[in-house]
Amino acid sequence: MIITPEIIDTALVALTTFFATIGPVDIAAIYAGLTTVVPAIARRAMAAKGVMIASIILLAFALFGADVLAYMGITLSALKTSGGILLLLVGINMVLAHPSGITTTTADEATEAATKQDISVFPLTTPLIAGPGAIGAIVLFMAKYEGNFILQATVVGSMAAILVLTLVCLLMAAQLHRILGVTGLNVISRMVGVLFSAIAVQLIFDGIGASGLLSQSI
């Protein structure tokens, strides 16, 4: 297969989007805080289980999400616009280093998770890894590149790469949190958030432009 500029561009946008919506470094920090008293073996097992289940969920949405939207009568332009707004909220929260229920746990969810021994399904799988942001992103990408198997495979491969990175971060959660600290984590979050906000705004523009609303209003 010849790697074209379009494939490279698609991979870069997908990698940035999934890095922002999944947030491997942020998840590792939360995971480290929730598993401070859990034995190392159990921490590794929960990390592997959480990423595996999240991968299955995201792959299911990648394969069947567009069909569900079509059945419900939701157009690609509507998905782009709504997805762009949702992803813009993620980007803004990243720039402000402000946690939200889109990519992190809410206060009530964090309280419930603190009392659980096995957090691999909740809150690790969802809402942390396979949250609304990541699900919306994979459905949006797959619908956008419908009919182009190579670009769809590029998106799925990019998602898989971020999931692998997420697993590595989870396995090294305690060390990562100790090395980077709160300031280091926030710096990474803000840098990615600025770029991600621009991508989200472009999605909104594309969605509104493709909807035909602007031409109808003229």
N, C-alpha and C. Protein backbone atom coordinates (compact mmCIF):
# COMPACT_ATOMS: atom_id res chain seq x y z
N MET A 1 0.84 -1.19 0.00
CA MET A 1 0.00 0.00 0.00
C MET A 1 0.88 1.25 0.00
N ILE A 2 0.56 2.20 -0.88
CA ILE A 2 1.31 3.44 -0.96
C ILE A 2 0.74 4.43 0.06
N ILE A 3 1.60 4.99 0.88
CA ILE A 3 1.17 5.96 1.89
C ILE A 3 1.09 7.33 1.23
N THR A 4 -0.12 7.82 1.06
CA THR A 4 -0.36 9.10 0.40
C THR A 4 -0.47 10.22 1.45
N PRO A 5 -0.35 11.49 1.01
CA PRO A 5 -0.54 12.61 1.94
C PRO A 5 -1.90 12.58 2.62
N GLU A 6 -2.93 12.10 1.90
CA GLU A 6 -4.26 12.03 2.50
C GLU A 6 -4.29 11.05 3.66
N ILE A 7 -3.61 9.92 3.51
CA ILE A 7 -3.55 8.94 4.59
C ILE A 7 -2.80 9.52 5.79
N ILE A 8 -1.70 10.21 5.53
CA ILE A 8 -0.92 10.82 6.61
C ILE A 8 -1.74 11.86 7.35
N ASP A 9 -2.44 12.71 6.59
CA ASP A 9 -3.27 13.75 7.21
C ASP A 9 -4.39 13.12 8.05
N THR A 10 -5.01 12.09 7.50
CA THR A 10 -6.09 11.41 8.23
C THR A 10 -5.56 10.80 9.52
N ALA A 11 -4.40 10.17 9.44
CA ALA A 11 -3.80 9.55 10.63
C ALA A 11 -3.47 10.59 11.69
N LEU A 12 -2.91 11.72 11.27
CA LEU A 12 -2.53 12.76 12.24
C LEU A 12 -3.76 13.34 12.93
N VAL A 13 -4.81 13.62 12.15
CA VAL A 13 -6.03 14.17 12.74
C VAL A 13 -6.67 13.15 13.68
N ALA A 14 -6.72 11.89 13.25
CA ALA A 14 -7.33 10.83 14.07
C ALA A 14 -6.53 10.62 15.36
N LEU A 15 -5.20 10.58 15.25
CA LEU A 15 -4.37 10.39 16.43
C LEU A 15 -4.58 11.53 17.43
N THR A 16 -4.59 12.76 16.92
CA THR A 16 -4.80 13.92 17.80
C THR A 16 -6.17 13.87 18.46
N THR A 17 -7.17 13.52 17.66
CA THR A 17 -8.54 13.47 18.19
C THR A 17 -8.70 12.40 19.26
N PHE A 18 -8.21 11.21 18.99
CA PHE A 18 -8.35 10.13 19.97
C PHE A 18 -7.47 10.36 21.20
N PHE A 19 -6.31 11.00 21.00
CA PHE A 19 -5.47 11.33 22.16
C PHE A 19 -6.21 12.29 23.08
N ALA A 20 -6.95 13.23 22.47
CA ALA A 20 -7.68 14.21 23.27
C ALA A 20 -8.94 13.61 23.90
N THR A 21 -9.71 12.83 23.13
CA THR A 21 -10.98 12.31 23.65
C THR A 21 -10.77 11.17 24.64
N ILE A 22 -9.75 10.37 24.43
CA ILE A 22 -9.46 9.28 25.38
C ILE A 22 -8.59 9.79 26.52
N GLY A 23 -7.54 10.56 26.19
CA GLY A 23 -6.70 11.16 27.21
C GLY A 23 -5.89 10.15 28.01
N PRO A 24 -4.96 9.42 27.38
CA PRO A 24 -4.19 8.39 28.09
C PRO A 24 -3.47 8.89 29.34
N VAL A 25 -2.86 10.07 29.26
CA VAL A 25 -2.11 10.59 30.41
C VAL A 25 -3.06 10.97 31.54
N ASP A 26 -4.18 11.61 31.20
CA ASP A 26 -5.16 11.98 32.23
C ASP A 26 -5.75 10.74 32.90
N ILE A 27 -6.06 9.74 32.09
CA ILE A 27 -6.63 8.51 32.63
C ILE A 27 -5.63 7.84 33.58
N ALA A 28 -4.35 7.85 33.19
CA ALA A 28 -3.32 7.25 34.04
C ALA A 28 -3.25 7.94 35.40
N ALA A 29 -3.39 9.27 35.39
CA ALA A 29 -3.35 10.02 36.64
C ALA A 29 -4.54 9.65 37.54
N ILE A 30 -5.74 9.56 36.93
CA ILE A 30 -6.93 9.17 37.69
C ILE A 30 -6.79 7.74 38.20
N TYR A 31 -6.29 6.87 37.33
CA TYR A 31 -6.14 5.45 37.68
C TYR A 31 -5.16 5.28 38.84
N ALA A 32 -4.09 6.06 38.81
CA ALA A 32 -3.11 5.98 39.90
C ALA A 32 -3.75 6.37 41.23
N GLY A 33 -4.62 7.38 41.19
CA GLY A 33 -5.27 7.81 42.42
C GLY A 33 -6.30 6.83 42.94
N LEU A 34 -6.94 6.09 42.02
CA LEU A 34 -7.98 5.15 42.43
C LEU A 34 -7.42 3.79 42.86
N THR A 35 -6.16 3.52 42.55
CA THR A 35 -5.59 2.19 42.83
C THR A 35 -4.36 2.27 43.73
N THR A 36 -4.31 3.25 44.59
CA THR A 36 -3.12 3.43 45.45
C THR A 36 -2.89 2.25 46.39
N VAL A 37 -3.97 1.61 46.83
CA VAL A 37 -3.83 0.49 47.78
C VAL A 37 -4.01 -0.86 47.10
N VAL A 38 -4.11 -0.88 45.78
CA VAL A 38 -4.32 -2.13 45.04
C VAL A 38 -2.96 -2.75 44.71
N PRO A 39 -2.78 -4.07 44.92
CA PRO A 39 -1.51 -4.72 44.57
C PRO A 39 -1.15 -4.53 43.10
N ALA A 40 0.14 -4.53 42.78
CA ALA A 40 0.61 -4.27 41.42
C ALA A 40 0.02 -5.24 40.41
N ILE A 41 -0.06 -6.52 40.77
CA ILE A 41 -0.59 -7.52 39.85
C ILE A 41 -2.05 -7.23 39.51
N ALA A 42 -2.83 -6.87 40.53
CA ALA A 42 -4.24 -6.56 40.30
C ALA A 42 -4.39 -5.29 39.47
N ARG A 43 -3.51 -4.30 39.68
CA ARG A 43 -3.57 -3.06 38.89
C ARG A 43 -3.33 -3.36 37.42
N ARG A 44 -2.34 -4.19 37.13
CA ARG A 44 -2.04 -4.54 35.73
C ARG A 44 -3.19 -5.30 35.10
N ALA A 45 -3.80 -6.22 35.86
CA ALA A 45 -4.92 -7.02 35.34
C ALA A 45 -6.12 -6.13 35.02
N MET A 46 -6.42 -5.20 35.92
CA MET A 46 -7.55 -4.29 35.70
C MET A 46 -7.30 -3.37 34.50
N ALA A 47 -6.06 -2.92 34.36
CA ALA A 47 -5.71 -2.06 33.22
C ALA A 47 -5.92 -2.79 31.90
N ALA A 48 -5.42 -4.02 31.82
CA ALA A 48 -5.55 -4.81 30.59
C ALA A 48 -7.02 -5.10 30.29
N LYS A 49 -7.77 -5.47 31.31
CA LYS A 49 -9.19 -5.78 31.13
C LYS A 49 -9.97 -4.54 30.69
N GLY A 50 -9.69 -3.41 31.29
CA GLY A 50 -10.40 -2.18 30.95
C GLY A 50 -10.15 -1.75 29.52
N VAL A 51 -8.89 -1.79 29.07
CA VAL A 51 -8.56 -1.41 27.71
C VAL A 51 -9.16 -2.39 26.70
N MET A 52 -9.15 -3.68 27.04
CA MET A 52 -9.70 -4.69 26.13
C MET A 52 -11.20 -4.47 25.92
N ILE A 53 -11.94 -4.27 27.00
CA ILE A 53 -13.39 -4.08 26.88
C ILE A 53 -13.69 -2.78 26.14
N ALA A 54 -12.93 -1.72 26.45
CA ALA A 54 -13.12 -0.44 25.77
C ALA A 54 -12.85 -0.57 24.27
N SER A 55 -11.85 -1.36 23.91
CA SER A 55 -11.53 -1.57 22.50
C SER A 55 -12.68 -2.24 21.78
N ILE A 56 -13.30 -3.22 22.42
CA ILE A 56 -14.44 -3.92 21.82
C ILE A 56 -15.61 -2.95 21.62
N ILE A 57 -15.87 -2.12 22.62
CA ILE A 57 -16.97 -1.15 22.53
C ILE A 57 -16.74 -0.16 21.39
N LEU A 58 -15.53 0.40 21.33
CA LEU A 58 -15.22 1.39 20.30
C LEU A 58 -15.22 0.77 18.91
N LEU A 59 -14.74 -0.47 18.80
CA LEU A 59 -14.74 -1.15 17.50
C LEU A 59 -16.17 -1.42 17.04
N ALA A 60 -17.04 -1.76 17.98
CA ALA A 60 -18.45 -2.00 17.63
C ALA A 60 -19.09 -0.72 17.09
N PHE A 61 -18.79 0.41 17.72
CA PHE A 61 -19.33 1.68 17.22
C PHE A 61 -18.70 2.04 15.87
N ALA A 62 -17.43 1.66 15.68
CA ALA A 62 -16.77 1.94 14.40
C ALA A 62 -17.43 1.17 13.27
N LEU A 63 -17.83 -0.07 13.54
CA LEU A 63 -18.40 -0.93 12.51
C LEU A 63 -19.88 -0.66 12.27
N PHE A 64 -20.62 -0.38 13.33
CA PHE A 64 -22.08 -0.31 13.20
C PHE A 64 -22.67 1.06 13.54
N GLY A 65 -21.85 1.99 14.02
CA GLY A 65 -22.37 3.29 14.43
C GLY A 65 -23.03 4.05 13.30
N ALA A 66 -22.41 4.06 12.12
CA ALA A 66 -22.96 4.80 10.97
C ALA A 66 -24.30 4.21 10.54
N ASP A 67 -24.43 2.88 10.59
CA ASP A 67 -25.69 2.23 10.20
C ASP A 67 -26.82 2.61 11.16
N VAL A 68 -26.47 2.69 12.45
CA VAL A 68 -27.47 3.08 13.44
C VAL A 68 -27.94 4.51 13.19
N LEU A 69 -26.99 5.39 12.88
CA LEU A 69 -27.34 6.78 12.60
C LEU A 69 -28.22 6.89 11.36
N ALA A 70 -27.87 6.11 10.32
CA ALA A 70 -28.67 6.12 9.10
C ALA A 70 -30.08 5.63 9.37
N TYR A 71 -30.20 4.59 10.18
CA TYR A 71 -31.52 4.06 10.53
C TYR A 71 -32.34 5.09 11.28
N MET A 72 -31.67 5.93 12.08
CA MET A 72 -32.36 6.95 12.87
C MET A 72 -32.58 8.24 12.07
N GLY A 73 -32.07 8.27 10.83
CA GLY A 73 -32.27 9.43 9.99
C GLY A 73 -31.37 10.61 10.32
N ILE A 74 -30.23 10.35 10.96
CA ILE A 74 -29.28 11.41 11.31
C ILE A 74 -28.27 11.55 10.18
N THR A 75 -28.14 12.76 9.63
CA THR A 75 -27.25 12.99 8.49
C THR A 75 -25.82 13.19 8.96
N LEU A 76 -24.87 13.07 8.01
CA LEU A 76 -23.46 13.27 8.33
C LEU A 76 -23.19 14.71 8.74
N SER A 77 -23.88 15.66 8.10
CA SER A 77 -23.67 17.07 8.45
C SER A 77 -24.12 17.35 9.89
N ALA A 78 -25.22 16.74 10.29
CA ALA A 78 -25.70 16.90 11.67
C ALA A 78 -24.71 16.27 12.65
N LEU A 79 -24.16 15.10 12.27
CA LEU A 79 -23.19 14.42 13.12
C LEU A 79 -21.91 15.24 13.25
N LYS A 80 -21.47 15.84 12.12
CA LYS A 80 -20.27 16.68 12.16
C LYS A 80 -20.47 17.87 13.08
N THR A 81 -21.62 18.52 12.96
CA THR A 81 -21.87 19.71 13.76
C THR A 81 -21.97 19.38 15.25
N SER A 82 -22.79 18.40 15.57
CA SER A 82 -22.96 18.02 16.98
C SER A 82 -21.68 17.44 17.56
N GLY A 83 -21.00 16.61 16.74
CA GLY A 83 -19.73 16.05 17.20
C GLY A 83 -18.68 17.12 17.39
N GLY A 84 -18.67 18.11 16.50
CA GLY A 84 -17.72 19.21 16.64
C GLY A 84 -17.96 20.01 17.90
N ILE A 85 -19.24 20.26 18.23
CA ILE A 85 -19.56 20.99 19.46
C ILE A 85 -19.11 20.21 20.69
N LEU A 86 -19.40 18.90 20.69
CA LEU A 86 -19.00 18.05 21.81
C LEU A 86 -17.48 18.02 21.96
N LEU A 87 -16.78 17.87 20.84
CA LEU A 87 -15.33 17.80 20.88
C LEU A 87 -14.71 19.16 21.23
N LEU A 88 -15.40 20.25 20.85
CA LEU A 88 -14.91 21.58 21.23
C LEU A 88 -14.95 21.76 22.74
N LEU A 89 -15.99 21.22 23.37
CA LEU A 89 -16.07 21.28 24.83
C LEU A 89 -14.90 20.53 25.47
N VAL A 90 -14.54 19.40 24.85
CA VAL A 90 -13.38 18.64 25.35
C VAL A 90 -12.12 19.50 25.23
N GLY A 91 -11.93 20.15 24.07
CA GLY A 91 -10.75 20.97 23.86
C GLY A 91 -10.68 22.13 24.82
N ILE A 92 -11.82 22.80 25.05
CA ILE A 92 -11.85 23.93 25.98
C ILE A 92 -11.49 23.48 27.39
N ASN A 93 -12.05 22.35 27.80
CA ASN A 93 -11.75 21.83 29.14
C ASN A 93 -10.28 21.46 29.27
N MET A 94 -9.68 20.98 28.17
CA MET A 94 -8.26 20.64 28.21
C MET A 94 -7.40 21.90 28.35
N VAL A 95 -7.74 22.95 27.62
CA VAL A 95 -6.98 24.20 27.69
C VAL A 95 -7.08 24.80 29.09
N LEU A 96 -8.26 24.71 29.68
CA LEU A 96 -8.47 25.27 31.02
C LEU A 96 -8.05 24.31 32.12
N ALA A 97 -7.63 23.08 31.72
CA ALA A 97 -7.28 22.04 32.70
C ALA A 97 -8.43 21.83 33.67
N HIS A 98 -9.64 21.79 33.10
CA HIS A 98 -10.84 21.65 33.90
C HIS A 98 -11.51 20.33 33.58
N PRO A 99 -11.61 19.41 34.56
CA PRO A 99 -12.23 18.10 34.29
C PRO A 99 -13.72 18.22 34.05
N SER A 100 -14.24 17.34 33.21
CA SER A 100 -15.68 17.33 32.94
C SER A 100 -16.14 15.88 32.79
N GLY A 101 -17.46 15.71 32.69
CA GLY A 101 -18.01 14.37 32.55
C GLY A 101 -17.86 13.80 31.15
N ILE A 102 -17.28 14.59 30.21
CA ILE A 102 -17.13 14.11 28.84
C ILE A 102 -15.98 13.12 28.74
N THR A 103 -14.85 13.45 29.35
CA THR A 103 -13.67 12.59 29.25
C THR A 103 -13.19 12.10 30.60
N THR A 104 -13.80 12.54 31.68
CA THR A 104 -13.41 12.09 33.02
C THR A 104 -14.65 11.70 33.79
N THR A 105 -14.45 11.25 35.00
CA THR A 105 -15.58 10.91 35.85
C THR A 105 -16.13 12.17 36.50
N THR A 106 -17.43 12.15 36.78
CA THR A 106 -18.02 13.23 37.55
C THR A 106 -17.70 13.00 39.03
N ALA A 107 -18.05 13.96 39.87
CA ALA A 107 -17.76 13.83 41.30
C ALA A 107 -18.47 12.62 41.89
N ASP A 108 -19.74 12.40 41.51
CA ASP A 108 -20.49 11.25 42.03
C ASP A 108 -19.88 9.94 41.55
N GLU A 109 -19.46 9.91 40.28
CA GLU A 109 -18.84 8.69 39.74
C GLU A 109 -17.52 8.39 40.42
N ALA A 110 -16.74 9.43 40.71
CA ALA A 110 -15.46 9.23 41.40
C ALA A 110 -15.68 8.69 42.80
N THR A 111 -16.72 9.19 43.47
CA THR A 111 -17.03 8.71 44.82
C THR A 111 -17.43 7.24 44.80
N GLU A 112 -18.25 6.87 43.81
CA GLU A 112 -18.66 5.47 43.69
C GLU A 112 -17.49 4.57 43.35
N ALA A 113 -16.60 5.04 42.47
CA ALA A 113 -15.45 4.25 42.07
C ALA A 113 -14.49 4.01 43.22
N ALA A 114 -14.41 4.97 44.13
CA ALA A 114 -13.48 4.85 45.26
C ALA A 114 -13.85 3.70 46.18
N THR A 115 -15.13 3.26 46.13
CA THR A 115 -15.58 2.19 47.01
C THR A 115 -15.55 0.82 46.32
N LYS A 116 -15.16 0.79 45.05
CA LYS A 116 -15.14 -0.46 44.29
C LYS A 116 -13.75 -1.06 44.29
N GLN A 117 -13.69 -2.39 44.37
CA GLN A 117 -12.41 -3.08 44.33
C GLN A 117 -11.93 -3.26 42.88
N ASP A 118 -12.85 -3.59 41.98
CA ASP A 118 -12.52 -3.77 40.57
C ASP A 118 -13.11 -2.61 39.77
N ILE A 119 -12.24 -1.73 39.29
CA ILE A 119 -12.71 -0.56 38.56
C ILE A 119 -12.47 -0.69 37.06
N SER A 120 -12.20 -1.91 36.59
CA SER A 120 -11.85 -2.12 35.19
C SER A 120 -13.00 -1.76 34.25
N VAL A 121 -14.25 -2.09 34.63
CA VAL A 121 -15.40 -1.79 33.79
C VAL A 121 -15.89 -0.37 34.06
N PHE A 122 -16.12 -0.07 35.32
CA PHE A 122 -16.50 1.29 35.72
C PHE A 122 -15.58 1.74 36.83
N PRO A 123 -14.95 2.88 36.68
CA PRO A 123 -15.11 3.86 35.60
C PRO A 123 -14.04 3.77 34.50
N LEU A 124 -13.17 2.74 34.53
CA LEU A 124 -12.05 2.71 33.59
C LEU A 124 -12.51 2.55 32.14
N THR A 125 -13.27 1.46 31.87
CA THR A 125 -13.75 1.24 30.51
C THR A 125 -14.62 2.40 30.06
N THR A 126 -15.63 2.68 30.86
CA THR A 126 -16.52 3.81 30.58
C THR A 126 -16.86 4.48 31.89
N PRO A 127 -16.74 5.79 32.00
CA PRO A 127 -16.63 6.74 30.89
C PRO A 127 -15.20 7.19 30.56
N LEU A 128 -14.18 6.62 31.20
CA LEU A 128 -12.83 7.15 31.01
C LEU A 128 -12.27 6.85 29.61
N ILE A 129 -12.24 5.58 29.20
CA ILE A 129 -11.65 5.24 27.89
C ILE A 129 -12.70 5.35 26.78
N ALA A 130 -13.72 4.53 26.86
CA ALA A 130 -14.79 4.56 25.84
C ALA A 130 -15.89 5.49 26.30
N GLY A 131 -15.56 6.77 26.38
CA GLY A 131 -16.53 7.77 26.79
C GLY A 131 -17.27 8.35 25.60
N PRO A 132 -18.18 9.29 25.84
CA PRO A 132 -18.96 9.88 24.75
C PRO A 132 -18.10 10.59 23.71
N GLY A 133 -16.99 11.20 24.15
CA GLY A 133 -16.11 11.88 23.21
C GLY A 133 -15.46 10.93 22.23
N ALA A 134 -14.91 9.83 22.75
CA ALA A 134 -14.25 8.84 21.89
C ALA A 134 -15.25 8.13 20.99
N ILE A 135 -16.42 7.79 21.54
CA ILE A 135 -17.46 7.12 20.74
C ILE A 135 -17.94 8.04 19.62
N GLY A 136 -18.19 9.30 19.95
CA GLY A 136 -18.62 10.25 18.93
C GLY A 136 -17.58 10.43 17.85
N ALA A 137 -16.30 10.46 18.25
CA ALA A 137 -15.22 10.67 17.29
C ALA A 137 -15.11 9.50 16.31
N ILE A 138 -15.17 8.27 16.81
CA ILE A 138 -15.00 7.12 15.92
C ILE A 138 -16.18 6.99 14.97
N VAL A 139 -17.38 7.26 15.44
CA VAL A 139 -18.55 7.21 14.56
C VAL A 139 -18.46 8.30 13.49
N LEU A 140 -18.02 9.47 13.89
CA LEU A 140 -17.89 10.60 12.96
C LEU A 140 -16.86 10.30 11.87
N PHE A 141 -15.71 9.79 12.27
CA PHE A 141 -14.66 9.48 11.29
C PHE A 141 -15.10 8.39 10.32
N MET A 142 -15.72 7.33 10.84
CA MET A 142 -16.12 6.22 9.99
C MET A 142 -17.21 6.63 9.02
N ALA A 143 -18.11 7.52 9.46
CA ALA A 143 -19.15 8.01 8.57
C ALA A 143 -18.57 8.94 7.51
N LYS A 144 -17.60 9.75 7.91
CA LYS A 144 -16.97 10.69 6.99
C LYS A 144 -16.25 9.97 5.86
N TYR A 145 -15.59 8.87 6.17
CA TYR A 145 -14.80 8.15 5.17
C TYR A 145 -15.51 6.88 4.68
N GLU A 146 -16.83 6.88 4.76
CA GLU A 146 -17.60 5.72 4.30
C GLU A 146 -17.32 5.47 2.82
N GLY A 147 -17.02 4.22 2.49
CA GLY A 147 -16.70 3.84 1.12
C GLY A 147 -15.22 3.87 0.81
N ASN A 148 -14.42 4.42 1.72
CA ASN A 148 -12.96 4.46 1.54
C ASN A 148 -12.34 3.57 2.61
N PHE A 149 -12.14 2.30 2.26
CA PHE A 149 -11.66 1.32 3.25
C PHE A 149 -10.30 1.69 3.81
N ILE A 150 -9.42 2.24 2.97
CA ILE A 150 -8.06 2.56 3.42
C ILE A 150 -8.08 3.64 4.51
N LEU A 151 -8.87 4.68 4.29
CA LEU A 151 -8.93 5.76 5.28
C LEU A 151 -9.65 5.30 6.55
N GLN A 152 -10.67 4.46 6.39
CA GLN A 152 -11.34 3.92 7.57
C GLN A 152 -10.38 3.03 8.37
N ALA A 153 -9.56 2.23 7.66
CA ALA A 153 -8.58 1.40 8.34
C ALA A 153 -7.53 2.26 9.04
N THR A 154 -7.20 3.40 8.43
CA THR A 154 -6.26 4.33 9.04
C THR A 154 -6.81 4.88 10.34
N VAL A 155 -8.10 5.20 10.35
CA VAL A 155 -8.75 5.72 11.56
C VAL A 155 -8.75 4.66 12.66
N VAL A 156 -9.14 3.43 12.30
CA VAL A 156 -9.17 2.34 13.29
C VAL A 156 -7.76 2.06 13.81
N GLY A 157 -6.78 2.09 12.91
CA GLY A 157 -5.39 1.88 13.33
C GLY A 157 -4.92 2.98 14.27
N SER A 158 -5.32 4.21 14.00
CA SER A 158 -4.96 5.33 14.88
C SER A 158 -5.60 5.16 16.25
N MET A 159 -6.86 4.74 16.26
CA MET A 159 -7.54 4.50 17.52
C MET A 159 -6.85 3.39 18.31
N ALA A 160 -6.45 2.32 17.59
CA ALA A 160 -5.76 1.21 18.25
C ALA A 160 -4.43 1.66 18.84
N ALA A 161 -3.73 2.55 18.12
CA ALA A 161 -2.45 3.05 18.62
C ALA A 161 -2.63 3.82 19.92
N ILE A 162 -3.67 4.65 20.00
CA ILE A 162 -3.93 5.41 21.23
C ILE A 162 -4.37 4.48 22.36
N LEU A 163 -5.11 3.43 22.02
CA LEU A 163 -5.51 2.46 23.05
C LEU A 163 -4.30 1.72 23.60
N VAL A 164 -3.35 1.39 22.73
CA VAL A 164 -2.11 0.76 23.19
C VAL A 164 -1.34 1.73 24.09
N LEU A 165 -1.27 2.99 23.67
CA LEU A 165 -0.61 4.01 24.49
C LEU A 165 -1.31 4.14 25.84
N THR A 166 -2.63 4.06 25.82
CA THR A 166 -3.40 4.14 27.06
C THR A 166 -3.04 3.00 28.01
N LEU A 167 -2.92 1.79 27.46
CA LEU A 167 -2.54 0.64 28.27
C LEU A 167 -1.16 0.83 28.87
N VAL A 168 -0.22 1.32 28.05
CA VAL A 168 1.14 1.56 28.55
C VAL A 168 1.12 2.59 29.68
N CYS A 169 0.35 3.66 29.50
CA CYS A 169 0.25 4.69 30.54
C CYS A 169 -0.36 4.14 31.82
N LEU A 170 -1.37 3.28 31.66
CA LEU A 170 -2.01 2.69 32.83
C LEU A 170 -1.03 1.78 33.59
N LEU A 171 -0.25 1.01 32.84
CA LEU A 171 0.71 0.11 33.47
C LEU A 171 1.82 0.89 34.18
N MET A 172 2.06 2.11 33.71
CA MET A 172 3.10 2.95 34.31
C MET A 172 2.48 4.14 35.05
N ALA A 173 1.22 4.00 35.46
CA ALA A 173 0.47 5.12 36.01
C ALA A 173 1.17 5.79 37.20
N ALA A 174 1.59 4.99 38.14
CA ALA A 174 2.21 5.55 39.35
C ALA A 174 3.49 6.31 39.01
N GLN A 175 4.34 5.72 38.16
CA GLN A 175 5.60 6.36 37.78
C GLN A 175 5.35 7.62 36.97
N LEU A 176 4.37 7.54 36.05
CA LEU A 176 4.06 8.68 35.18
C LEU A 176 3.57 9.87 36.00
N HIS A 177 2.71 9.60 36.95
CA HIS A 177 2.16 10.65 37.79
C HIS A 177 3.26 11.28 38.65
N ARG A 178 4.17 10.46 39.11
CA ARG A 178 5.25 10.96 39.96
C ARG A 178 6.24 11.80 39.16
N ILE A 179 6.52 11.39 37.90
CA ILE A 179 7.50 12.11 37.08
C ILE A 179 6.95 13.44 36.57
N LEU A 180 5.74 13.41 36.01
CA LEU A 180 5.18 14.62 35.40
C LEU A 180 4.59 15.58 36.42
N GLY A 181 3.96 15.02 37.44
CA GLY A 181 3.30 15.88 38.41
C GLY A 181 2.07 16.55 37.83
N VAL A 182 1.37 17.32 38.64
CA VAL A 182 0.15 17.99 38.18
C VAL A 182 0.46 19.02 37.10
N THR A 183 1.54 19.78 37.29
CA THR A 183 1.90 20.82 36.32
C THR A 183 2.22 20.22 34.96
N GLY A 184 3.01 19.16 34.93
CA GLY A 184 3.38 18.51 33.68
C GLY A 184 2.17 17.97 32.95
N LEU A 185 1.25 17.36 33.68
CA LEU A 185 0.03 16.82 33.07
C LEU A 185 -0.81 17.95 32.47
N ASN A 186 -0.90 19.06 33.17
CA ASN A 186 -1.70 20.19 32.68
C ASN A 186 -1.06 20.84 31.45
N VAL A 187 0.26 20.89 31.39
CA VAL A 187 0.94 21.47 30.22
C VAL A 187 0.63 20.64 28.97
N ILE A 188 0.74 19.31 29.08
CA ILE A 188 0.42 18.43 27.96
C ILE A 188 -1.03 18.60 27.55
N SER A 189 -1.91 18.67 28.54
CA SER A 189 -3.34 18.81 28.27
C SER A 189 -3.64 20.10 27.52
N ARG A 190 -3.03 21.19 27.93
CA ARG A 190 -3.29 22.49 27.29
C ARG A 190 -2.76 22.52 25.87
N MET A 191 -1.58 21.96 25.63
CA MET A 191 -0.99 21.96 24.30
C MET A 191 -1.87 21.22 23.31
N VAL A 192 -2.33 20.03 23.71
CA VAL A 192 -3.20 19.24 22.84
C VAL A 192 -4.56 19.91 22.70
N GLY A 193 -5.05 20.54 23.76
CA GLY A 193 -6.36 21.17 23.76
C GLY A 193 -6.49 22.28 22.74
N VAL A 194 -5.44 23.08 22.57
CA VAL A 194 -5.47 24.18 21.59
C VAL A 194 -5.65 23.63 20.18
N LEU A 195 -4.84 22.63 19.83
CA LEU A 195 -4.94 22.04 18.50
C LEU A 195 -6.28 21.34 18.31
N PHE A 196 -6.72 20.67 19.34
CA PHE A 196 -7.97 19.91 19.26
C PHE A 196 -9.17 20.83 19.10
N SER A 197 -9.15 22.00 19.73
CA SER A 197 -10.24 22.96 19.60
C SER A 197 -10.36 23.44 18.16
N ALA A 198 -9.21 23.64 17.51
CA ALA A 198 -9.23 24.07 16.11
C ALA A 198 -9.85 22.99 15.22
N ILE A 199 -9.51 21.73 15.48
CA ILE A 199 -10.09 20.63 14.71
C ILE A 199 -11.60 20.58 14.92
N ALA A 200 -12.05 20.77 16.16
CA ALA A 200 -13.47 20.74 16.47
C ALA A 200 -14.23 21.85 15.77
N VAL A 201 -13.66 23.06 15.75
CA VAL A 201 -14.31 24.18 15.07
C VAL A 201 -14.42 23.92 13.57
N GLN A 202 -13.39 23.31 12.98
CA GLN A 202 -13.44 22.97 11.57
C GLN A 202 -14.55 21.97 11.28
N LEU A 203 -14.75 21.02 12.20
CA LEU A 203 -15.85 20.05 12.04
C LEU A 203 -17.20 20.77 12.05
N ILE A 204 -17.34 21.75 12.93
CA ILE A 204 -18.59 22.51 13.00
C ILE A 204 -18.82 23.26 11.69
N PHE A 205 -17.76 23.92 11.19
CA PHE A 205 -17.87 24.65 9.92
C PHE A 205 -18.26 23.70 8.78
N ASP A 206 -17.59 22.54 8.73
CA ASP A 206 -17.87 21.56 7.67
C ASP A 206 -19.31 21.06 7.76
N GLY A 207 -19.77 20.80 8.98
CA GLY A 207 -21.13 20.30 9.16
C GLY A 207 -22.18 21.30 8.73
N ILE A 208 -22.00 22.56 9.14
CA ILE A 208 -22.95 23.60 8.77
C ILE A 208 -22.90 23.85 7.26
N GLY A 209 -21.68 23.85 6.69
CA GLY A 209 -21.56 24.06 5.25
C GLY A 209 -22.20 22.96 4.44
N ALA A 210 -22.04 21.70 4.88
CA ALA A 210 -22.61 20.57 4.15
C ALA A 210 -24.12 20.46 4.32
N SER A 211 -24.66 21.08 5.35
CA SER A 211 -26.10 20.97 5.61
C SER A 211 -26.94 21.78 4.62
N GLY A 212 -26.32 22.79 4.02
CA GLY A 212 -27.06 23.63 3.08
C GLY A 212 -27.85 24.74 3.75
N LEU A 213 -27.72 24.89 5.06
CA LEU A 213 -28.48 25.91 5.78
C LEU A 213 -28.08 27.32 5.35
N LEU A 214 -26.80 27.52 5.11
CA LEU A 214 -26.32 28.85 4.74
C LEU A 214 -26.83 29.26 3.36
N SER A 215 -26.84 28.33 2.40
CA SER A 215 -27.33 28.65 1.06
C SER A 215 -28.83 28.90 1.04
N GLN A 216 -29.55 28.21 1.94
CA GLN A 216 -31.00 28.40 2.00
C GLN A 216 -31.37 29.74 2.59
N SER A 217 -30.49 30.25 3.49
CA SER A 217 -30.81 31.51 4.17
C SER A 217 -30.51 32.74 3.31
N ILE A 218 -29.71 32.52 2.23
CA ILE A 218 -29.33 33.65 1.36
C ILE A 218 -30.48 34.00 0.42
